[in-house]
């Protein structure tokens, strides 16, 4: 069995990763659901989509939250989740104002 160096191991920065996953994961889930709500089938006025979006945001947030512990460090989690948040919100803004 190969022993990994400390650089290659997943660092146990639990408190930091939990805080980052809670805040940025939640906002990323809302960003993705916002894209789906506005630009998905039926648009924002679809009557049955409201309930589906409400439940989907919880499922998506928990998936992002649990997968964020796979980042090697809390700094990586902050960077990648931050970039994903900015990308989802920027994409939403571009699509929203271009249509």
C-alpha atoms as a PDB file:
ATOM      1  CA  UNK A   1       0.000   0.000   0.000  1.00  0.00           C
ATOM      2  CA  UNK A   2       1.354   3.379  -1.017  1.00  0.00           C
ATOM      3  CA  UNK A   3       1.578   6.044   1.683  1.00  0.00           C
ATOM      4  CA  UNK A   4       0.403   9.450   0.499  1.00  0.00           C
ATOM      5  CA  UNK A   5       2.280  12.591   1.318  1.00  0.00           C
ATOM      6  CA  UNK A   6       0.424  15.275   3.311  1.00  0.00           C
ATOM      7  CA  UNK A   7       0.063  17.340   0.133  1.00  0.00           C
ATOM      8  CA  UNK A   8      -1.889  14.565  -1.626  1.00  0.00           C
ATOM      9  CA  UNK A   9      -4.219  13.739   1.262  1.00  0.00           C
ATOM     10  CA  UNK A  10      -7.643  15.219   1.804  1.00  0.00           C
ATOM     11  CA  UNK A  11      -7.179  17.652   4.663  1.00  0.00           C
ATOM     12  CA  UNK A  12      -9.612  17.309   7.587  1.00  0.00           C
ATOM     13  CA  UNK A  13     -10.671  20.955   7.780  1.00  0.00           C
ATOM     14  CA  UNK A  14     -14.213  20.022   8.785  1.00  0.00           C
ATOM     15  CA  UNK A  15     -15.448  23.290  10.248  1.00  0.00           C
ATOM     16  CA  UNK A  16     -14.233  25.365   7.355  1.00  0.00           C
ATOM     17  CA  UNK A  17     -15.552  22.964   4.727  1.00  0.00           C
ATOM     18  CA  UNK A  18     -18.908  22.756   6.506  1.00  0.00           C
ATOM     19  CA  UNK A  19     -19.300  26.530   6.588  1.00  0.00           C
ATOM     20  CA  UNK A  20     -18.253  26.905   2.956  1.00  0.00           C
ATOM     21  CA  UNK A  21     -20.534  24.063   1.844  1.00  0.00           C
ATOM     22  CA  UNK A  22     -23.458  25.487   3.804  1.00  0.00           C
ATOM     23  CA  UNK A  23     -23.286  28.991   2.400  1.00  0.00           C
ATOM     24  CA  UNK A  24     -21.843  28.598  -1.069  1.00  0.00           C
ATOM     25  CA  UNK A  25     -23.521  25.245  -1.684  1.00  0.00           C
ATOM     26  CA  UNK A  26     -26.907  26.720  -0.835  1.00  0.00           C
ATOM     27  CA  UNK A  27     -26.419  29.731  -3.080  1.00  0.00           C
ATOM     28  CA  UNK A  28     -25.133  27.491  -5.892  1.00  0.00           C
ATOM     29  CA  UNK A  29     -28.213  25.296  -5.575  1.00  0.00           C
ATOM     30  CA  UNK A  30     -30.425  28.380  -5.811  1.00  0.00           C
ATOM     31  CA  UNK A  31     -28.465  29.614  -8.815  1.00  0.00           C
ATOM     32  CA  UNK A  32     -28.933  26.334 -10.659  1.00  0.00           C
ATOM     33  CA  UNK A  33     -32.613  26.118  -9.729  1.00  0.00           C
ATOM     34  CA  UNK A  34     -33.066  29.730 -10.828  1.00  0.00           C
ATOM     35  CA  UNK A  35     -31.690  28.830 -14.244  1.00  0.00           C
ATOM     36  CA  UNK A  36     -34.021  25.847 -14.439  1.00  0.00           C
ATOM     37  CA  UNK A  37     -37.032  27.834 -13.231  1.00  0.00           C
ATOM     38  CA  UNK A  38     -36.627  30.668 -15.714  1.00  0.00           C
ATOM     39  CA  UNK A  39     -35.296  28.825 -18.737  1.00  0.00           C
ATOM     40  CA  UNK A  40     -36.565  25.262 -18.257  1.00  0.00           C
ATOM     41  CA  UNK A  41     -39.705  23.775 -19.795  1.00  0.00           C
ATOM     42  CA  UNK A  42     -42.681  26.097 -19.468  1.00  0.00           C
ATOM     43  CA  UNK A  43     -40.638  29.061 -18.269  1.00  0.00           C
ATOM     44  CA  UNK A  44     -41.262  30.838 -14.992  1.00  0.00           C
ATOM     45  CA  UNK A  45     -45.057  30.725 -15.402  1.00  0.00           C
ATOM     46  CA  UNK A  46     -45.402  26.928 -15.425  1.00  0.00           C
ATOM     47  CA  UNK A  47     -47.927  26.092 -12.666  1.00  0.00           C
ATOM     48  CA  UNK A  48     -46.506  22.742 -11.574  1.00  0.00           C
ATOM     49  CA  UNK A  49     -42.894  23.832 -11.578  1.00  0.00           C
ATOM     50  CA  UNK A  50     -43.027  25.756  -8.298  1.00  0.00           C
ATOM     51  CA  UNK A  51     -43.400  22.708  -6.088  1.00  0.00           C
ATOM     52  CA  UNK A  52     -40.823  20.768  -8.095  1.00  0.00           C
ATOM     53  CA  UNK A  53     -38.263  23.571  -7.739  1.00  0.00           C
ATOM     54  CA  UNK A  54     -38.893  23.821  -4.030  1.00  0.00           C
ATOM     55  CA  UNK A  55     -38.052  20.158  -3.475  1.00  0.00           C
ATOM     56  CA  UNK A  56     -35.253  20.069  -6.024  1.00  0.00           C
ATOM     57  CA  UNK A  57     -33.304  22.845  -4.308  1.00  0.00           C
ATOM     58  CA  UNK A  58     -33.040  20.733  -1.129  1.00  0.00           C
ATOM     59  CA  UNK A  59     -31.862  17.690  -3.038  1.00  0.00           C
ATOM     60  CA  UNK A  60     -29.315  19.656  -5.034  1.00  0.00           C
ATOM     61  CA  UNK A  61     -28.016  21.494  -1.951  1.00  0.00           C
ATOM     62  CA  UNK A  62     -27.483  18.252  -0.043  1.00  0.00           C
ATOM     63  CA  UNK A  63     -25.610  16.743  -2.982  1.00  0.00           C
ATOM     64  CA  UNK A  64     -23.336  19.781  -3.256  1.00  0.00           C
ATOM     65  CA  UNK A  65     -22.919  19.852   0.532  1.00  0.00           C
ATOM     66  CA  UNK A  66     -21.861  16.226   0.762  1.00  0.00           C
ATOM     67  CA  UNK A  67     -19.556  16.350  -2.250  1.00  0.00           C
ATOM     68  CA  UNK A  68     -17.783  19.471  -0.981  1.00  0.00           C
ATOM     69  CA  UNK A  69     -15.970  17.363   1.615  1.00  0.00           C
ATOM     70  CA  UNK A  70     -14.111  15.692  -1.244  1.00  0.00           C
ATOM     71  CA  UNK A  71     -12.045  18.836  -1.875  1.00  0.00           C
ATOM     72  CA  UNK A  72      -8.482  18.492  -0.626  1.00  0.00           C
ATOM     73  CA  UNK A  73      -8.519  21.735   1.346  1.00  0.00           C
ATOM     74  CA  UNK A  74     -11.047  24.306   2.454  1.00  0.00           C
ATOM     75  CA  UNK A  75      -9.320  26.834   0.214  1.00  0.00           C
ATOM     76  CA  UNK A  76     -10.030  24.630  -2.821  1.00  0.00           C
ATOM     77  CA  UNK A  77     -13.671  24.288  -1.762  1.00  0.00           C
ATOM     78  CA  UNK A  78     -13.977  28.049  -1.357  1.00  0.00           C
ATOM     79  CA  UNK A  79     -12.395  28.711  -4.735  1.00  0.00           C
ATOM     80  CA  UNK A  80     -14.307  26.147  -6.790  1.00  0.00           C
ATOM     81  CA  UNK A  81     -17.692  26.726  -5.163  1.00  0.00           C
ATOM     82  CA  UNK A  82     -17.163  30.476  -5.434  1.00  0.00           C
ATOM     83  CA  UNK A  83     -16.345  30.207  -9.142  1.00  0.00           C
ATOM     84  CA  UNK A  84     -19.363  27.941  -9.677  1.00  0.00           C
ATOM     85  CA  UNK A  85     -21.590  30.488  -7.904  1.00  0.00           C
ATOM     86  CA  UNK A  86     -20.272  33.343  -9.980  1.00  0.00           C
ATOM     87  CA  UNK A  87     -20.695  31.321 -13.174  1.00  0.00           C
ATOM     88  CA  UNK A  88     -24.293  30.370 -12.397  1.00  0.00           C
ATOM     89  CA  UNK A  89     -25.285  33.905 -11.442  1.00  0.00           C
ATOM     90  CA  UNK A  90     -23.468  35.417 -14.412  1.00  0.00           C
ATOM     91  CA  UNK A  91     -25.110  32.941 -16.770  1.00  0.00           C
ATOM     92  CA  UNK A  92     -28.494  33.753 -15.251  1.00  0.00           C
ATOM     93  CA  UNK A  93     -27.909  37.490 -15.671  1.00  0.00           C
ATOM     94  CA  UNK A  94     -26.714  37.148 -19.262  1.00  0.00           C
ATOM     95  CA  UNK A  95     -29.613  34.909 -20.263  1.00  0.00           C
ATOM     96  CA  UNK A  96     -32.174  36.964 -18.384  1.00  0.00           C
ATOM     97  CA  UNK A  97     -31.209  40.286 -19.920  1.00  0.00           C
ATOM     98  CA  UNK A  98     -30.549  38.955 -23.423  1.00  0.00           C
ATOM     99  CA  UNK A  99     -34.052  37.565 -23.900  1.00  0.00           C
END
